[in-house]
Amino acid sequence: MKQWKALLVDDEEEFVGTLAERLRLRGIAVEVATDGQDAIARLEEVDPRVVVLDIMMPGVGGLAVLRHIKENRPDVAVILLTGRGTTREGMEGMRLGAFDFMMKPVRIEELIPRMIEAAEKRRPEQPGGGE
């Protein structure tokens, strides 16, 4: 498996910090952003293959970040998370191009395989991609 990076975006600092630590212990290169504005600013700097993105955040929310990613970096796979939202937001995210939608609390044993699948998936619009 090729090495790839993930960007975790969640306004709950304790949650995102713990998740990042657990992923790093499993060999996944992870960076963290604690709000939507920071996520947008760090997108090019981090160059993630996968973004794990909370939908419900103050200020720039997850769906706005998702729109930005899909407009500017359509090659980046996005997995949406929410603990307070409804499946309506998740379904909207899927329509906007999210790879998957998961409810918090997310089990790391379920998240990691989805992240790997998202990272390895080649989208048809990518040059040389798709089969």
C-alpha atoms as a PDB file:
ATOM      1  CA  MET A   1       0.000   0.000   0.000  1.00  0.00           C
ATOM      2  CA  LYS A   2       1.297   3.454  -0.933  1.00  0.00           C
ATOM      3  CA  GLN A   3       1.771   5.980   1.847  1.00  0.00           C
ATOM      4  CA  TRP A   4      -0.821   8.743   1.794  1.00  0.00           C
ATOM      5  CA  LYS A   5      -1.885  11.563   4.096  1.00  0.00           C
ATOM      6  CA  ALA A   6      -5.168  12.295   5.789  1.00  0.00           C
ATOM      7  CA  LEU A   7      -6.538  15.574   7.108  1.00  0.00           C
ATOM      8  CA  LEU A   8      -8.892  15.321  10.089  1.00  0.00           C
ATOM      9  CA  VAL A   9     -11.250  18.266  10.546  1.00  0.00           C
ATOM     10  CA  ASP A  10     -13.372  18.604  13.693  1.00  0.00           C
ATOM     11  CA  ASP A  11     -14.071  21.440  16.115  1.00  0.00           C
ATOM     12  CA  GLU A  12     -14.028  19.020  19.061  1.00  0.00           C
ATOM     13  CA  GLU A  13     -10.307  19.260  19.817  1.00  0.00           C
ATOM     14  CA  GLU A  14     -10.157  16.338  22.250  1.00  0.00           C
ATOM     15  CA  PHE A  15     -11.955  14.049  19.804  1.00  0.00           C
ATOM     16  CA  VAL A  16      -9.823  14.989  16.792  1.00  0.00           C
ATOM     17  CA  GLY A  17      -6.599  14.799  18.812  1.00  0.00           C
ATOM     18  CA  THR A  18      -7.414  11.325  20.114  1.00  0.00           C
ATOM     19  CA  LEU A  19      -8.472  10.125  16.674  1.00  0.00           C
ATOM     20  CA  ALA A  20      -5.277  11.492  15.109  1.00  0.00           C
ATOM     21  CA  GLU A  21      -3.143   9.749  17.724  1.00  0.00           C
ATOM     22  CA  ARG A  22      -4.925   6.432  17.194  1.00  0.00           C
ATOM     23  CA  LEU A  23      -4.509   6.675  13.409  1.00  0.00           C
ATOM     24  CA  ARG A  24      -0.815   7.579  13.692  1.00  0.00           C
ATOM     25  CA  LEU A  25      -0.265   4.531  15.905  1.00  0.00           C
ATOM     26  CA  ARG A  26      -1.659   2.478  13.023  1.00  0.00           C
ATOM     27  CA  GLY A  27       0.776   4.018  10.514  1.00  0.00           C
ATOM     28  CA  ILE A  28      -1.490   6.600   8.883  1.00  0.00           C
ATOM     29  CA  ALA A  29       0.059  10.040   8.295  1.00  0.00           C
ATOM     30  CA  VAL A  30      -2.425  12.523   9.762  1.00  0.00           C
ATOM     31  CA  GLU A  31      -2.717  16.297  10.095  1.00  0.00           C
ATOM     32  CA  VAL A  32      -5.443  18.080  12.056  1.00  0.00           C
ATOM     33  CA  ALA A  33      -7.581  21.191  11.535  1.00  0.00           C
ATOM     34  CA  THR A  34     -10.049  22.320  14.200  1.00  0.00           C
ATOM     35  CA  ASP A  35     -12.347  24.428  12.024  1.00  0.00           C
ATOM     36  CA  GLY A  36     -13.495  24.711   8.442  1.00  0.00           C
ATOM     37  CA  GLN A  37     -11.490  27.839   7.650  1.00  0.00           C
ATOM     38  CA  ASP A  38      -8.269  26.186   8.823  1.00  0.00           C
ATOM     39  CA  ALA A  39      -9.097  23.070   6.790  1.00  0.00           C
ATOM     40  CA  ILE A  40      -9.496  25.122   3.606  1.00  0.00           C
ATOM     41  CA  ALA A  41      -6.266  27.010   4.295  1.00  0.00           C
ATOM     42  CA  ARG A  42      -4.300  23.807   4.965  1.00  0.00           C
ATOM     43  CA  LEU A  43      -5.650  21.773   2.062  1.00  0.00           C
ATOM     44  CA  GLU A  44      -2.778  22.571  -0.317  1.00  0.00           C
ATOM     45  CA  GLU A  45      -0.134  22.565   2.425  1.00  0.00           C
ATOM     46  CA  VAL A  46      -1.088  19.110   3.725  1.00  0.00           C
ATOM     47  CA  ASP A  47      -1.976  17.640   0.273  1.00  0.00           C
ATOM     48  CA  PRO A  48      -4.202  14.909   1.743  1.00  0.00           C
ATOM     49  CA  ARG A  49      -5.579  11.961  -0.177  1.00  0.00           C
ATOM     50  CA  VAL A  50      -8.430  11.644   2.358  1.00  0.00           C
ATOM     51  CA  VAL A  51     -10.222  14.238   4.473  1.00  0.00           C
ATOM     52  CA  VAL A  52     -12.282  13.064   7.458  1.00  0.00           C
ATOM     53  CA  LEU A  53     -14.638  15.983   7.966  1.00  0.00           C
ATOM     54  CA  ASP A  54     -17.149  16.854  10.681  1.00  0.00           C
ATOM     55  CA  ILE A  55     -20.341  18.261   9.174  1.00  0.00           C
ATOM     56  CA  MET A  56     -21.516  20.362  12.114  1.00  0.00           C
ATOM     57  CA  MET A  57     -18.923  23.028  12.952  1.00  0.00           C
ATOM     58  CA  PRO A  58     -19.327  26.695  13.882  1.00  0.00           C
ATOM     59  CA  GLY A  59     -18.347  29.217  11.239  1.00  0.00           C
ATOM     60  CA  VAL A  60     -17.440  27.456   7.997  1.00  0.00           C
ATOM     61  CA  GLY A  61     -19.346  24.178   8.234  1.00  0.00           C
ATOM     62  CA  GLY A  62     -18.422  20.808   6.846  1.00  0.00           C
ATOM     63  CA  LEU A  63     -20.654  20.981   3.770  1.00  0.00           C
ATOM     64  CA  ALA A  64     -19.050  24.306   2.771  1.00  0.00           C
ATOM     65  CA  VAL A  65     -15.605  22.728   3.186  1.00  0.00           C
ATOM     66  CA  LEU A  66     -16.747  19.729   1.129  1.00  0.00           C
ATOM     67  CA  ARG A  67     -17.934  22.041  -1.670  1.00  0.00           C
ATOM     68  CA  HIS A  68     -14.566  23.820  -1.640  1.00  0.00           C
ATOM     69  CA  ILE A  69     -12.677  20.522  -1.792  1.00  0.00           C
ATOM     70  CA  LYS A  70     -14.768  19.163  -4.665  1.00  0.00           C
ATOM     71  CA  GLU A  71     -14.411  22.418  -6.636  1.00  0.00           C
ATOM     72  CA  ASN A  72     -10.667  22.773  -6.068  1.00  0.00           C
ATOM     73  CA  ARG A  73      -9.347  19.267  -5.345  1.00  0.00           C
ATOM     74  CA  PRO A  74     -11.826  16.735  -6.779  1.00  0.00           C
ATOM     75  CA  ASP A  75      -9.172  14.006  -6.406  1.00  0.00           C
ATOM     76  CA  VAL A  76      -9.390  14.222  -2.588  1.00  0.00           C
ATOM     77  CA  ALA A  77     -11.796  11.723  -1.015  1.00  0.00           C
ATOM     78  CA  VAL A  78     -13.967  13.046   1.819  1.00  0.00           C
ATOM     79  CA  ILE A  79     -15.511  10.986   4.602  1.00  0.00           C
ATOM     80  CA  LEU A  80     -18.123  12.954   6.519  1.00  0.00           C
ATOM     81  CA  LEU A  81     -18.728  12.517  10.252  1.00  0.00           C
ATOM     82  CA  THR A  82     -21.457  13.872  12.468  1.00  0.00           C
ATOM     83  CA  GLY A  83     -22.588  13.346  16.006  1.00  0.00           C
ATOM     84  CA  ARG A  84     -25.246  16.038  16.145  1.00  0.00           C
ATOM     85  CA  GLY A  85     -26.532  16.235  12.617  1.00  0.00           C
ATOM     86  CA  THR A  86     -29.073  14.148  10.844  1.00  0.00           C
ATOM     87  CA  THR A  87     -28.754  11.781   7.963  1.00  0.00           C
ATOM     88  CA  ARG A  88     -30.189  14.619   5.812  1.00  0.00           C
ATOM     89  CA  GLU A  89     -26.848  16.463   5.996  1.00  0.00           C
ATOM     90  CA  GLY A  90     -25.012  13.228   5.291  1.00  0.00           C
ATOM     91  CA  MET A  91     -27.125  12.518   2.239  1.00  0.00           C
ATOM     92  CA  GLU A  92     -26.576  16.097   1.020  1.00  0.00           C
ATOM     93  CA  GLY A  93     -22.844  15.531   1.455  1.00  0.00           C
ATOM     94  CA  MET A  94     -23.030  12.354  -0.601  1.00  0.00           C
ATOM     95  CA  ARG A  95     -24.811  14.286  -3.376  1.00  0.00           C
ATOM     96  CA  LEU A  96     -22.005  16.854  -3.230  1.00  0.00           C
ATOM     97  CA  GLY A  97     -19.402  14.150  -3.803  1.00  0.00           C
ATOM     98  CA  ALA A  98     -18.429  12.766  -0.390  1.00  0.00           C
ATOM     99  CA  PHE A  99     -17.001   9.255  -0.466  1.00  0.00           C
ATOM    100  CA  ASP A 100     -18.886   8.164   2.680  1.00  0.00           C
ATOM    101  CA  PHE A 101     -20.871   9.374   5.677  1.00  0.00           C
ATOM    102  CA  MET A 102     -20.442   7.956   9.200  1.00  0.00           C
ATOM    103  CA  MET A 103     -22.070   8.733  12.543  1.00  0.00           C
ATOM    104  CA  LYS A 104     -20.092   9.563  15.686  1.00  0.00           C
ATOM    105  CA  PRO A 105     -18.940   7.985  17.800  1.00  0.00           C
ATOM    106  CA  VAL A 106     -17.097   6.321  14.952  1.00  0.00           C
ATOM    107  CA  ARG A 107     -15.316   3.056  15.661  1.00  0.00           C
ATOM    108  CA  ILE A 108     -11.717   3.192  14.481  1.00  0.00           C
ATOM    109  CA  GLU A 109     -12.046  -0.403  13.267  1.00  0.00           C
ATOM    110  CA  GLU A 110     -14.740   0.814  10.854  1.00  0.00           C
ATOM    111  CA  LEU A 111     -13.125   4.137   9.931  1.00  0.00           C
ATOM    112  CA  ILE A 112      -9.689   2.849   8.917  1.00  0.00           C
ATOM    113  CA  PRO A 113     -10.935   0.433   6.222  1.00  0.00           C
ATOM    114  CA  ARG A 114     -13.140   3.200   4.777  1.00  0.00           C
ATOM    115  CA  MET A 115     -10.165   5.588   4.762  1.00  0.00           C
ATOM    116  CA  ILE A 116      -7.973   3.020   3.010  1.00  0.00           C
ATOM    117  CA  GLU A 117     -10.683   2.307   0.449  1.00  0.00           C
ATOM    118  CA  ALA A 118     -11.156   6.049  -0.153  1.00  0.00           C
ATOM    119  CA  ALA A 119      -7.395   6.627  -0.479  1.00  0.00           C
ATOM    120  CA  GLU A 120      -6.936   3.803  -2.945  1.00  0.00           C
ATOM    121  CA  LYS A 121     -10.021   4.481  -5.034  1.00  0.00           C
ATOM    122  CA  ARG A 122      -9.163   6.036  -8.383  1.00  0.00           C
ATOM    123  CA  ARG A 123     -11.862   8.354  -9.573  1.00  0.00           C
ATOM    124  CA  PRO A 124     -12.745   8.169 -13.294  1.00  0.00           C
ATOM    125  CA  GLU A 125     -12.113  11.912 -13.808  1.00  0.00           C
ATOM    126  CA  GLN A 126      -8.476  11.487 -12.729  1.00  0.00           C
ATOM    127  CA  PRO A 127      -5.932  11.156 -15.557  1.00  0.00           C
ATOM    128  CA  GLY A 128      -5.045   7.487 -15.824  1.00  0.00           C
ATOM    129  CA  GLY A 129      -7.708   6.584 -13.252  1.00  0.00           C
ATOM    130  CA  GLY A 130     -10.631   4.238 -13.078  1.00  0.00           C
ATOM    131  CA  GLU A 131     -11.092   0.776 -14.464  1.00  0.00           C
END
